[in-house]
Amino acid sequence: MSVITTPIETLHLKSTLRLLPRAVYRSQRIQVFPPNIFSNTSLSSPLRIDPISQVGGSRNLWRRYASDNFSEMGLDPGADPFKVIEKPSIVDRMKKANSILPHVVLASTILALIYPPSFTWFTSRYFVPALGFLMFAVGINSNEKDFLEAFKRPKAILLGYVGQYLVKPVLGFIFGLAAVSLFQLPTPIGAGIMLVSCVSGAQLSNYATFLTDPALAPLSIVMTSLSTATAVLVTPMLSLLLIGKKLPVDVKGMISSILQVVIAPIAAGLLLNKLFPKVSNAIRPFLPILSVLDTACCVGAPLALNINSVMSPFGATILLLVTMFHLSAFLAGYFLTGSVFRNAPDAKAMQRTLSYETGMQSSLLALALATKFFQDPLVGIPPAISVSLISF
C-alpha cells in the first residue's frame, strides 16, 4: 500500500530536510515513519495521516531528529532554535548599578579635584537628606528574616560590635593624636579622624560580604544594623570622650540628628516594605542608580568645597593617615576574628566578614555630623577622604 501525502505536507517535509546538516543528510537515511507502522494495520481500513501544522510540524520533526542524532555531538537537543534572546531592560540595568559604585566614586573624586565647580552646588545643607535617602534604601531592601537567621550566631555579632565600637575608636584616637602631635596638623583634622572612628559600620560592608561570601551576607547586615541602631547613643558618647577635650561636642544634638538621619529612614523603609510590598517593588529597581548618584555627590562635594585644604601641603599627610587608619582597622578585624574562630569551618569567610565590618565606617554619617556640629570646616576633610577610600 502506498502512502499519499498532500502537496502542503510534502512541501513542509522538504523544507525540514533542508534544515539538516548536509553531511549528516548524505550519510544517514532519514526515517520519517517507524518501520513497523503498517504491521498491525488492516488493509481494509484506510490509512490516515494527520496533516502537519504549518508552524509546529517542521519544528517538532527537527527536534526529534536532533534528539536522536545530535546528542553525541555536544549539542542541546532541547534548545529552541526559534527562541529570541531578549536584551536586558533599562530596569534590569538599574538594578545592577551598585556594581559600578567604585568607578563612579573614583570619577567623582577626580572630577571634584580637577574641576571643583562641578560639585560646589551640592552644599552642606544637602548632606543630611542625602544620607537619609541612603538609609531609606537600606531599610527597603531588608526584612526581618535576615535578622532572625543571623542572630543564630551571637558570638560573631558581639565580636563585630567590639570591633566597631572598641577596636576602631582606639585606632582612631591613636591616629588622630598622631596627626596633631607628630605631624603638626591642625586640631580639627585630628578631631575629624576621631569622628570617623566613632560612627557605625558602613552598608558597603554588606555588599562586599555578598560578593566574597554570600552565605554570610545576612550576618553582615545584622552587625551593621545593630551598630547603626545603637549609634544614636554610642557615637555621641564616643565623640565626647575622644574629641570633647579638643572641641565642643553637642551630644543631644547628635542624638537627635542620628535619629532623624539614620533610624527614621531605615524604619520607614522597613515599614514600607512590610505594609506596602507592591509600592516597594515598584520603586526598588530605581534605588540602586539613585543611591550611586547620591553617593557620588556626597563624595565629590566635600572635596570640592574644601579644595584649598585638600590640595594644601598637609593634604597628602591627611590622606596617608586616613588610609593607614582604615588599613589598621581591616587587619585588626581580620586577625582578631582568626584568633576567636580559629576552629570554625568557615573561619576564613568569618575573618573577611569581620574585617569588612571593622574597617568600613559610615563616613557619610561622620561627614554629616562634622558639617552640622563643628564650625571649623577642616573637621569634614578626614570624613570626606574616608568616604572616597572605603567606596573603592
Protein backbone atom coordinates (compact mmCIF):
# COMPACT_ATOMS: atom_id res chain seq x y z
CA MET A 1 0.00 0.00 0.00
CA SER A 2 1.33 3.44 -0.80
CA VAL A 3 1.10 6.43 1.48
CA ILE A 4 -0.36 9.52 -0.10
CA THR A 5 0.65 12.92 1.22
CA THR A 6 -0.83 16.23 0.29
CA PRO A 7 1.24 18.88 -1.52
CA ILE A 8 1.37 21.01 1.63
CA GLU A 9 2.75 18.10 3.68
CA THR A 10 5.34 17.35 1.00
CA LEU A 11 6.43 20.97 0.95
CA HIS A 12 6.94 21.06 4.70
CA LEU A 13 8.86 17.77 4.75
CA LYS A 14 11.22 19.09 2.10
CA SER A 15 11.72 22.35 3.96
CA THR A 16 12.56 20.38 7.10
CA LEU A 17 15.14 18.24 5.32
CA ARG A 18 16.85 21.38 4.11
CA LEU A 19 17.47 22.32 7.76
CA LEU A 20 19.52 19.15 8.35
CA PRO A 21 23.31 19.33 8.07
CA ARG A 22 24.37 18.29 4.57
CA ALA A 23 27.00 15.78 5.74
CA VAL A 24 24.54 14.02 8.03
CA TYR A 25 21.88 14.02 5.33
CA ARG A 26 24.17 12.24 2.89
CA SER A 27 25.50 9.64 5.34
CA GLN A 28 22.26 8.64 7.04
CA ARG A 29 18.84 7.67 5.75
CA ILE A 30 16.08 9.62 7.39
CA GLN A 31 13.16 7.54 8.59
CA VAL A 32 10.11 9.69 8.84
CA PHE A 33 7.86 6.76 9.80
CA PRO A 34 8.75 3.89 12.17
CA PRO A 35 9.42 0.59 10.33
CA ASN A 36 6.53 -1.25 11.97
CA ILE A 37 3.90 1.35 11.34
CA PHE A 38 1.97 -0.91 8.96
CA SER A 39 2.47 -4.23 10.83
CA ASN A 40 -0.88 -4.17 12.62
CA THR A 41 -2.76 -2.09 10.15
CA SER A 42 -5.72 -3.69 8.43
CA LEU A 43 -5.71 -3.45 4.64
CA SER A 44 -9.40 -2.85 4.68
CA SER A 45 -9.13 0.26 6.80
CA PRO A 46 -7.83 3.36 5.07
CA LEU A 47 -4.62 4.83 6.39
CA ARG A 48 -4.98 8.36 7.65
CA ILE A 49 -2.11 10.74 8.15
CA ASP A 50 -2.84 13.83 10.26
CA PRO A 51 -1.86 16.99 8.49
CA ILE A 52 1.34 18.63 9.65
CA SER A 53 0.72 22.05 11.14
CA GLN A 54 2.25 24.81 9.13
CA VAL A 55 4.24 26.14 12.09
CA GLY A 56 4.80 23.33 14.57
CA GLY A 57 5.29 20.32 12.25
CA SER A 58 8.70 21.19 10.89
CA ARG A 59 9.88 22.35 14.28
CA ASN A 60 8.83 19.12 16.03
CA LEU A 61 10.34 16.96 13.30
CA TRP A 62 13.62 18.80 13.65
CA ARG A 63 13.60 18.33 17.42
CA ARG A 64 13.02 14.58 17.08
CA TYR A 65 15.88 14.26 14.64
CA ALA A 66 18.21 16.36 16.79
CA SER A 67 17.36 14.35 19.89
CA ASP A 68 18.26 11.08 18.16
CA ASN A 69 21.36 12.12 16.23
CA PHE A 70 23.00 15.20 17.80
CA SER A 71 23.35 14.18 21.46
CA GLU A 72 26.80 12.74 20.85
CA MET A 73 27.90 15.98 19.14
CA GLY A 74 27.55 18.04 22.35
CA LEU A 75 24.50 19.93 21.13
CA ASP A 76 21.42 20.68 23.17
CA PRO A 77 18.55 18.82 21.52
CA GLY A 78 16.01 20.62 23.70
CA ALA A 79 17.07 24.07 22.64
CA ASP A 80 14.53 26.06 20.73
CA PRO A 81 16.12 27.38 17.52
CA PHE A 82 13.28 29.86 17.14
CA LYS A 83 13.75 31.42 20.61
CA VAL A 84 14.64 35.10 20.60
CA ILE A 85 17.21 36.23 23.17
CA GLU A 86 15.92 39.35 24.87
CA LYS A 87 18.25 42.19 25.79
CA PRO A 88 18.31 43.40 29.42
CA SER A 89 15.75 46.12 30.04
CA ILE A 90 16.56 49.52 31.49
CA VAL A 91 15.11 48.42 34.84
CA ASP A 92 17.39 45.36 34.92
CA ARG A 93 20.38 47.57 34.22
CA MET A 94 19.42 49.96 37.02
CA LYS A 95 19.20 47.07 39.48
CA LYS A 96 22.90 46.31 38.86
CA ALA A 97 24.03 49.92 39.26
CA ASN A 98 25.73 49.15 42.59
CA SER A 99 28.42 47.20 40.74
CA ILE A 100 29.76 50.42 39.22
CA LEU A 101 29.88 52.28 42.54
CA PRO A 102 33.71 52.20 42.90
CA HIS A 103 34.14 53.55 39.36
CA VAL A 104 31.63 56.34 39.94
CA VAL A 105 33.27 57.31 43.24
CA LEU A 106 36.70 57.39 41.62
CA ALA A 107 35.37 59.54 38.76
CA SER A 108 33.65 61.88 41.25
CA THR A 109 36.84 62.25 43.26
CA ILE A 110 38.94 63.10 40.21
CA LEU A 111 36.30 65.48 38.84
CA ALA A 112 36.00 67.29 42.18
CA LEU A 113 39.77 67.78 42.37
CA ILE A 114 40.16 68.87 38.74
CA TYR A 115 37.01 70.99 38.41
CA PRO A 116 35.52 71.85 41.85
CA PRO A 117 32.53 73.86 40.50
CA SER A 118 31.04 70.58 39.29
CA PHE A 119 30.15 69.75 42.92
CA THR A 120 30.16 73.05 44.82
CA TRP A 121 26.42 73.40 44.18
CA PHE A 122 25.88 70.40 46.48
CA THR A 123 26.34 72.38 49.70
CA SER A 124 26.46 71.04 53.24
CA ARG A 125 22.71 71.50 53.73
CA TYR A 126 22.12 68.58 51.34
CA PHE A 127 24.34 66.11 53.22
CA VAL A 128 21.75 65.12 55.82
CA PRO A 129 18.89 64.48 53.33
CA ALA A 130 21.31 62.60 51.06
CA LEU A 131 22.38 60.29 53.88
CA GLY A 132 18.74 59.83 54.92
CA PHE A 133 17.90 58.62 51.41
CA LEU A 134 20.70 56.04 51.54
CA MET A 135 19.41 54.78 54.90
CA PHE A 136 15.90 54.52 53.44
CA ALA A 137 17.29 52.41 50.59
CA VAL A 138 18.90 50.09 53.15
CA GLY A 139 15.62 49.71 55.03
CA ILE A 140 13.51 48.97 51.97
CA ASN A 141 15.92 46.22 50.89
CA SER A 142 15.89 44.49 54.29
CA ASN A 143 13.42 42.22 56.05
CA GLU A 144 13.03 40.53 59.40
CA LYS A 145 14.13 37.13 58.06
CA ASP A 146 17.68 38.38 57.53
CA PHE A 147 17.91 39.38 61.16
CA LEU A 148 16.38 36.20 62.59
CA GLU A 149 18.76 33.99 60.61
CA ALA A 150 21.88 35.92 61.58
CA PHE A 151 21.01 36.12 65.28
CA LYS A 152 21.81 32.41 65.47
CA ARG A 153 25.49 33.45 65.70
CA PRO A 154 25.57 35.81 68.70
CA LYS A 155 29.30 35.33 69.26
CA ALA A 156 30.12 36.70 65.82
CA ILE A 157 27.71 39.60 66.28
CA LEU A 158 29.30 40.50 69.61
CA LEU A 159 32.78 40.35 68.10
CA GLY A 160 31.70 42.61 65.24
CA TYR A 161 30.28 45.09 67.73
CA VAL A 162 33.51 45.08 69.72
CA GLY A 163 35.46 45.73 66.53
CA GLN A 164 33.18 48.64 65.63
CA TYR A 165 32.96 50.45 68.94
CA LEU A 166 36.10 49.43 70.81
CA VAL A 167 38.94 48.47 68.47
CA LYS A 168 38.15 51.09 65.83
CA PRO A 169 37.77 54.07 68.23
CA VAL A 170 41.09 53.16 69.87
CA LEU A 171 42.77 53.18 66.46
CA GLY A 172 41.03 56.46 65.58
CA PHE A 173 42.25 58.06 68.78
CA ILE A 174 45.83 56.91 68.08
CA PHE A 175 45.88 58.24 64.51
CA GLY A 176 44.05 61.44 65.45
CA LEU A 177 46.56 62.09 68.23
CA ALA A 178 49.44 61.33 65.86
CA ALA A 179 48.05 63.81 63.31
CA VAL A 180 48.22 66.64 65.84
CA SER A 181 51.31 65.74 67.89
CA LEU A 182 53.61 64.05 65.36
CA PHE A 183 52.60 65.63 62.04
CA GLN A 184 51.70 69.06 63.48
CA LEU A 185 48.34 69.15 61.71
CA PRO A 186 45.54 71.44 62.94
CA THR A 187 43.47 70.11 65.82
CA PRO A 188 40.25 69.91 63.74
CA ILE A 189 41.98 67.40 61.43
CA GLY A 190 42.71 65.09 64.36
CA ALA A 191 39.14 65.54 65.56
CA GLY A 192 37.86 64.58 62.10
CA ILE A 193 39.85 61.32 62.16
CA MET A 194 38.48 60.51 65.62
CA LEU A 195 34.95 61.30 64.48
CA VAL A 196 35.26 58.79 61.63
CA SER A 197 36.22 56.11 64.16
CA CYS A 198 33.14 56.82 66.31
CA VAL A 199 30.43 56.19 63.72
CA SER A 200 28.69 52.94 62.88
CA GLY A 201 29.56 50.39 60.22
CA ALA A 202 29.04 51.15 56.54
CA GLN A 203 26.35 49.46 54.48
CA LEU A 204 29.01 48.94 51.83
CA SER A 205 30.44 46.19 54.04
CA ASN A 206 27.25 44.20 53.40
CA TYR A 207 27.80 44.46 49.66
CA ALA A 208 31.46 43.46 49.98
CA THR A 209 30.47 40.41 52.03
CA PHE A 210 27.82 39.48 49.47
CA LEU A 211 30.46 39.50 46.72
CA THR A 212 33.02 37.33 48.57
CA ASP A 213 30.92 35.21 50.98
CA PRO A 214 27.19 35.37 50.09
CA ALA A 215 26.21 32.95 52.87
CA LEU A 216 27.39 35.45 55.50
CA ALA A 217 25.68 38.49 53.98
CA PRO A 218 22.74 38.32 56.48
CA LEU A 219 25.24 38.25 59.35
CA SER A 220 26.94 41.34 57.97
CA ILE A 221 23.57 43.07 57.63
CA VAL A 222 22.74 42.33 61.27
CA MET A 223 26.10 43.60 62.54
CA THR A 224 25.83 46.81 60.52
CA SER A 225 22.20 47.32 61.52
CA LEU A 226 22.98 46.80 65.20
CA SER A 227 25.87 49.25 65.16
CA THR A 228 23.73 51.73 63.22
CA ALA A 229 20.77 51.42 65.59
CA THR A 230 22.91 51.96 68.68
CA ALA A 231 24.92 54.78 67.06
CA VAL A 232 22.25 57.16 68.31
CA LEU A 233 23.80 56.81 71.80
CA VAL A 234 27.26 55.34 71.26
CA THR A 235 28.56 57.78 68.62
CA PRO A 236 27.81 60.96 70.62
CA MET A 237 29.32 59.46 73.79
CA LEU A 238 32.46 58.29 72.00
CA SER A 239 32.76 61.69 70.31
CA LEU A 240 32.52 63.39 73.68
CA LEU A 241 35.11 61.04 75.15
CA LEU A 242 37.64 61.34 72.32
CA ILE A 243 37.01 64.85 70.98
CA GLY A 244 35.39 66.62 73.93
CA LYS A 245 38.70 67.85 75.34
CA LYS A 246 39.69 69.30 71.97
CA LEU A 247 36.45 70.66 70.52
CA PRO A 248 32.95 71.15 71.98
CA VAL A 249 30.54 68.30 71.22
CA ASP A 250 26.74 68.71 71.20
CA VAL A 251 25.68 65.27 72.47
CA LYS A 252 21.92 65.98 72.48
CA GLY A 253 22.07 67.47 69.02
CA MET A 254 23.96 64.43 67.70
CA ILE A 255 21.40 62.06 69.21
CA SER A 256 18.52 63.97 67.60
CA SER A 257 20.32 64.16 64.25
CA ILE A 258 21.15 60.43 64.15
CA LEU A 259 17.52 59.62 64.98
CA GLN A 260 16.35 61.72 62.03
CA VAL A 261 19.06 60.76 59.56
CA VAL A 262 19.57 57.05 60.30
CA ILE A 263 16.91 55.43 62.47
CA ALA A 264 13.80 57.07 61.00
CA PRO A 265 14.63 56.43 57.30
CA ILE A 266 15.57 52.78 57.94
CA ALA A 267 12.36 52.25 59.93
CA ALA A 268 10.35 53.92 57.16
CA GLY A 269 11.91 51.61 54.57
CA LEU A 270 11.20 48.51 56.64
CA LEU A 271 7.58 49.53 57.24
CA LEU A 272 7.00 50.36 53.59
CA ASN A 273 8.46 47.00 52.58
CA LYS A 274 6.24 45.22 55.11
CA LEU A 275 2.93 47.09 54.71
CA PHE A 276 3.03 48.10 51.05
CA PRO A 277 5.09 45.48 49.19
CA LYS A 278 3.72 46.49 45.78
CA VAL A 279 4.91 50.06 46.27
CA SER A 280 8.30 48.79 47.47
CA ASN A 281 8.65 46.52 44.45
CA ALA A 282 7.77 49.41 42.15
CA ILE A 283 10.42 51.80 43.47
CA ARG A 284 13.13 49.28 44.41
CA PRO A 285 14.63 48.99 40.87
CA PHE A 286 15.29 52.74 40.83
CA LEU A 287 17.07 52.86 44.20
CA PRO A 288 20.49 51.47 43.14
CA ILE A 289 21.14 54.06 40.43
CA LEU A 290 19.80 56.87 42.63
CA SER A 291 21.97 55.67 45.53
CA VAL A 292 25.06 55.65 43.30
CA LEU A 293 24.38 59.21 42.13
CA ASP A 294 23.67 60.25 45.73
CA THR A 295 26.96 58.76 46.93
CA ALA A 296 28.85 60.41 44.06
CA CYS A 297 27.58 63.83 45.16
CA CYS A 298 28.39 63.10 48.80
CA VAL A 299 31.94 62.15 47.80
CA GLY A 300 32.66 64.96 45.38
CA ALA A 301 31.02 67.85 47.23
CA PRO A 302 33.17 67.82 50.43
CA LEU A 303 36.34 67.59 48.39
CA ALA A 304 35.23 70.41 46.09
CA LEU A 305 34.08 72.64 48.96
CA ASN A 306 37.37 72.13 50.82
CA ILE A 307 39.61 72.03 47.77
CA ASN A 308 42.11 74.53 49.20
CA SER A 309 42.67 72.44 52.32
CA VAL A 310 42.75 69.14 50.40
CA MET A 311 45.34 70.46 47.93
CA SER A 312 47.38 72.14 50.68
CA PRO A 313 50.80 70.80 51.72
CA PHE A 314 49.23 68.74 54.53
CA GLY A 315 46.55 67.24 52.26
CA ALA A 316 48.79 64.27 51.37
CA THR A 317 49.50 63.73 55.07
CA ILE A 318 45.78 63.55 55.84
CA LEU A 319 45.31 61.05 53.03
CA LEU A 320 48.14 58.92 54.40
CA LEU A 321 46.78 58.98 57.96
CA VAL A 322 43.20 58.13 56.94
CA THR A 323 44.46 55.33 54.69
CA MET A 324 46.60 53.85 57.47
CA PHE A 325 43.68 54.11 59.90
CA HIS A 326 41.39 52.08 57.63
CA LEU A 327 44.11 49.56 56.81
CA SER A 328 44.83 49.03 60.51
CA ALA A 329 41.11 48.52 61.19
CA PHE A 330 40.86 45.94 58.39
CA LEU A 331 43.85 44.00 59.72
CA ALA A 332 42.67 44.21 63.34
CA GLY A 333 39.25 42.80 62.45
CA TYR A 334 40.80 40.03 60.35
CA PHE A 335 43.31 38.76 62.91
CA LEU A 336 41.01 39.24 65.90
CA THR A 337 38.38 37.07 64.22
CA GLY A 338 41.03 34.49 63.30
CA SER A 339 42.04 34.10 66.92
CA VAL A 340 38.44 33.65 68.11
CA PHE A 341 37.04 31.48 65.29
CA ARG A 342 40.20 29.51 64.61
CA ASN A 343 38.45 26.12 64.53
CA ALA A 344 35.25 27.22 62.79
CA PRO A 345 34.52 25.53 59.43
CA ASP A 346 34.04 28.94 57.78
CA ALA A 347 36.89 30.66 59.62
CA LYS A 348 38.31 32.44 56.57
CA ALA A 349 34.90 33.67 55.48
CA MET A 350 34.26 34.93 59.01
CA GLN A 351 37.60 36.73 59.01
CA ARG A 352 36.79 38.53 55.79
CA THR A 353 33.29 39.48 57.00
CA LEU A 354 34.52 40.87 60.34
CA SER A 355 37.37 42.64 58.57
CA TYR A 356 34.93 44.48 56.31
CA GLU A 357 32.74 45.32 59.28
CA THR A 358 35.62 46.75 61.31
CA GLY A 359 37.41 48.60 58.52
CA MET A 360 34.42 50.18 56.76
CA GLN A 361 32.74 53.05 58.58
CA SER A 362 29.68 55.11 57.74
CA SER A 363 31.87 58.04 56.81
CA LEU A 364 28.90 59.87 55.30
CA LEU A 365 27.37 59.99 58.78
CA ALA A 366 30.64 61.37 60.15
CA LEU A 367 30.66 63.94 57.36
CA ALA A 368 27.07 64.98 58.10
CA LEU A 369 27.87 65.35 61.80
CA ALA A 370 31.07 67.27 61.06
CA THR A 371 29.33 69.82 58.85
CA LYS A 372 26.43 70.28 61.25
CA PHE A 373 28.03 70.29 64.70
CA PHE A 374 31.54 71.63 64.14
CA GLN A 375 32.15 75.17 62.98
CA ASP A 376 35.60 74.52 61.56
CA PRO A 377 35.28 73.03 58.04
CA LEU A 378 38.60 71.19 58.48
CA VAL A 379 36.79 68.59 60.62
CA GLY A 380 34.98 67.39 57.50
CA ILE A 381 38.12 66.70 55.45
CA PRO A 382 39.04 63.29 57.01
CA PRO A 383 35.44 62.01 56.65
CA ALA A 384 35.34 63.20 53.03
CA ILE A 385 38.59 61.38 52.24
CA SER A 386 37.33 58.34 54.15
CA VAL A 387 34.18 58.19 52.00
CA SER A 388 36.34 58.03 48.88
CA LEU A 389 38.63 55.34 50.30
CA ILE A 390 36.02 52.89 51.59
CA SER A 391 33.97 53.20 48.38
CA PHE A 392 36.86 51.77 46.37
